[in-house]
């Protein structure tokens, strides 16, 4: 918890202590910790002088904020019908085979999490996926293999 307390204190100093700072603080905790722990929610509530329920409500409302541990690289695959029409199922199958996990799971080494997400805004170039903040479009199984190989070799 000391690390979490120090992190939240630093983020409050950066973003302020008003209610408007809640989302930026949640996003930065997510960036640092790869999820929002219960301890972090309590510390944020304490520092911002708001209820833990308010923090939890905001943290669980947004798809891109996780309240369970995720991998270092979170892969989010667009689940829209447009990506379905562009063979998204082949992309999911390739990812699941390469990573040895199913959608919704995280690899044992905590390097990758595989999730569905709503529209990424790249329907015109689907199927699309996001790995942390990097967008990949016009995916094919071969392209996915190359992308995952690149990330497997990253620290």
Protein backbone atom coordinates (compact mmCIF):
# COMPACT_ATOMS: atom_id res chain seq x y z
CA UNK A 1 0.00 0.00 0.00
CA UNK A 2 2.85 2.52 0.59
CA UNK A 3 3.64 2.55 -3.13
CA UNK A 4 -0.03 3.14 -3.94
CA UNK A 5 -0.30 5.95 -1.41
CA UNK A 6 2.80 7.67 -2.83
CA UNK A 7 1.56 7.23 -6.40
CA UNK A 8 -1.86 8.72 -5.60
CA UNK A 9 -0.28 11.59 -3.65
CA UNK A 10 1.91 12.39 -6.66
CA UNK A 11 -1.08 12.22 -9.03
CA UNK A 12 -3.19 14.48 -6.80
CA UNK A 13 -0.30 16.98 -6.79
CA UNK A 14 -0.32 16.81 -10.61
CA UNK A 15 -4.07 16.75 -11.31
CA UNK A 16 -5.51 18.50 -8.26
CA UNK A 17 -7.78 17.33 -5.48
CA UNK A 18 -11.17 18.24 -6.95
CA UNK A 19 -13.74 15.79 -8.27
CA UNK A 20 -12.69 16.69 -11.83
CA UNK A 21 -9.30 15.06 -11.13
CA UNK A 22 -10.85 11.62 -10.54
CA UNK A 23 -10.77 10.32 -14.11
CA UNK A 24 -7.22 11.55 -14.90
CA UNK A 25 -6.00 10.01 -11.64
CA UNK A 26 -7.71 6.71 -12.43
CA UNK A 27 -6.16 6.73 -15.90
CA UNK A 28 -2.68 7.39 -14.52
CA UNK A 29 -2.99 4.72 -11.82
CA UNK A 30 -4.09 2.32 -14.59
CA UNK A 31 -1.07 3.33 -16.68
CA UNK A 32 1.28 2.68 -13.76
CA UNK A 33 -0.31 -0.37 -12.15
CA UNK A 34 -2.18 -1.90 -15.14
CA UNK A 35 -5.39 -1.89 -13.07
CA UNK A 36 -7.14 -0.07 -10.21
CA UNK A 37 -6.82 -2.08 -6.99
CA UNK A 38 -9.22 -1.82 -4.07
CA UNK A 39 -6.41 -0.16 -2.09
CA UNK A 40 -5.95 2.41 -4.86
CA UNK A 41 -9.69 3.18 -4.91
CA UNK A 42 -9.71 3.73 -1.15
CA UNK A 43 -6.60 5.93 -1.33
CA UNK A 44 -8.01 7.99 -4.21
CA UNK A 45 -11.28 8.48 -2.31
CA UNK A 46 -9.37 9.57 0.79
CA UNK A 47 -7.13 11.98 -1.12
CA UNK A 48 -10.03 13.51 -3.09
CA UNK A 49 -12.39 13.50 -0.10
CA UNK A 50 -15.10 11.61 -1.97
CA UNK A 51 -16.74 8.27 -1.25
CA UNK A 52 -15.11 5.01 -2.27
CA UNK A 53 -18.40 4.18 -3.98
CA UNK A 54 -17.95 7.23 -6.25
CA UNK A 55 -14.45 6.07 -7.18
CA UNK A 56 -15.63 2.49 -7.74
CA UNK A 57 -18.55 3.71 -9.86
CA UNK A 58 -16.28 5.71 -12.12
CA UNK A 59 -13.63 2.97 -12.30
CA UNK A 60 -16.14 0.28 -13.29
CA UNK A 61 -18.08 2.45 -15.74
CA UNK A 62 -15.28 2.83 -18.29
CA UNK A 63 -14.24 -0.14 -20.43
CA UNK A 64 -10.62 0.99 -20.58
CA UNK A 65 -10.21 1.12 -16.82
CA UNK A 66 -9.70 -2.27 -15.22
CA UNK A 67 -10.42 -3.24 -11.64
CA UNK A 68 -8.73 -6.64 -11.98
CA UNK A 69 -5.04 -7.20 -12.74
CA UNK A 70 -4.22 -7.20 -16.44
CA UNK A 71 -1.11 -7.96 -18.41
CA UNK A 72 1.60 -5.49 -19.35
CA UNK A 73 0.14 -5.49 -22.87
CA UNK A 74 -3.65 -5.33 -23.00
CA UNK A 75 -4.99 -6.42 -26.38
CA UNK A 76 -8.47 -5.13 -27.08
CA UNK A 77 -10.18 -6.47 -30.19
CA UNK A 78 -13.08 -4.56 -31.67
CA UNK A 79 -16.30 -6.55 -31.33
CA UNK A 80 -18.51 -4.66 -33.77
CA UNK A 81 -20.43 -6.30 -36.57
CA UNK A 82 -18.22 -4.53 -39.12
CA UNK A 83 -15.12 -6.29 -37.74
CA UNK A 84 -17.14 -9.53 -37.70
CA UNK A 85 -17.77 -9.06 -41.41
CA UNK A 86 -14.00 -8.63 -41.92
CA UNK A 87 -13.13 -12.01 -40.37
CA UNK A 88 -12.53 -10.94 -36.79
CA UNK A 89 -13.07 -14.55 -35.75
CA UNK A 90 -9.81 -15.51 -37.52
CA UNK A 91 -7.99 -12.76 -35.60
CA UNK A 92 -9.38 -13.94 -32.26
CA UNK A 93 -8.51 -17.56 -33.05
CA UNK A 94 -4.95 -16.54 -34.01
CA UNK A 95 -4.51 -14.48 -30.83
CA UNK A 96 -5.88 -17.23 -28.60
CA UNK A 97 -3.57 -19.80 -30.21
CA UNK A 98 -0.48 -17.58 -30.01
CA UNK A 99 -1.08 -16.48 -26.43
CA UNK A 100 -2.58 -19.77 -25.16
CA UNK A 101 -5.45 -17.88 -23.51
CA UNK A 102 -9.09 -17.14 -24.28
CA UNK A 103 -10.75 -13.74 -24.54
CA UNK A 104 -11.09 -12.32 -21.03
CA UNK A 105 -7.94 -14.02 -19.75
CA UNK A 106 -4.38 -12.97 -18.94
CA UNK A 107 -1.25 -15.01 -19.61
CA UNK A 108 0.34 -16.64 -16.57
CA UNK A 109 3.40 -14.39 -16.88
CA UNK A 110 1.08 -11.33 -16.87
CA UNK A 111 2.53 -10.11 -20.17
CA UNK A 112 -0.72 -10.18 -22.19
CA UNK A 113 -4.45 -9.79 -21.55
CA UNK A 114 -6.94 -10.42 -24.36
CA UNK A 115 -10.25 -8.57 -24.27
CA UNK A 116 -13.12 -7.55 -26.50
CA UNK A 117 -14.04 -3.89 -26.63
CA UNK A 118 -16.69 -1.81 -28.30
CA UNK A 119 -15.95 0.15 -31.44
CA UNK A 120 -12.40 1.49 -31.69
CA UNK A 121 -13.39 3.94 -34.42
CA UNK A 122 -11.51 2.08 -37.15
CA UNK A 123 -14.42 0.18 -38.72
CA UNK A 124 -13.40 1.35 -42.19
CA UNK A 125 -10.10 -0.54 -41.71
CA UNK A 126 -11.28 -3.56 -39.74
CA UNK A 127 -10.67 -5.86 -38.20
CA UNK A 128 -8.92 -3.68 -35.65
CA UNK A 129 -7.25 -4.12 -32.30
CA UNK A 130 -5.58 -1.94 -29.74
CA UNK A 131 -2.51 -2.99 -27.78
CA UNK A 132 -2.28 -0.53 -24.90
CA UNK A 133 -2.34 2.75 -26.89
CA UNK A 134 -1.25 1.37 -30.28
CA UNK A 135 -3.91 0.79 -32.96
CA UNK A 136 -3.58 -2.00 -35.51
CA UNK A 137 -5.95 -2.23 -38.47
CA UNK A 138 -6.52 -4.33 -41.59
CA UNK A 139 -5.53 -7.36 -39.55
CA UNK A 140 -4.79 -10.76 -41.00
CA UNK A 141 -3.63 -13.85 -39.11
CA UNK A 142 -0.09 -13.38 -40.51
CA UNK A 143 0.00 -9.71 -39.52
CA UNK A 144 -1.24 -10.61 -36.01
CA UNK A 145 1.56 -13.19 -35.67
CA UNK A 146 4.14 -10.52 -36.58
CA UNK A 147 2.64 -8.00 -34.14
CA UNK A 148 2.51 -10.48 -31.26
CA UNK A 149 6.09 -11.62 -31.97
CA UNK A 150 7.17 -7.97 -31.71
CA UNK A 151 5.42 -7.57 -28.33
CA UNK A 152 6.72 -10.90 -27.02
CA UNK A 153 10.23 -9.57 -27.58
CA UNK A 154 9.55 -6.29 -25.76
CA UNK A 155 10.45 -5.98 -22.08
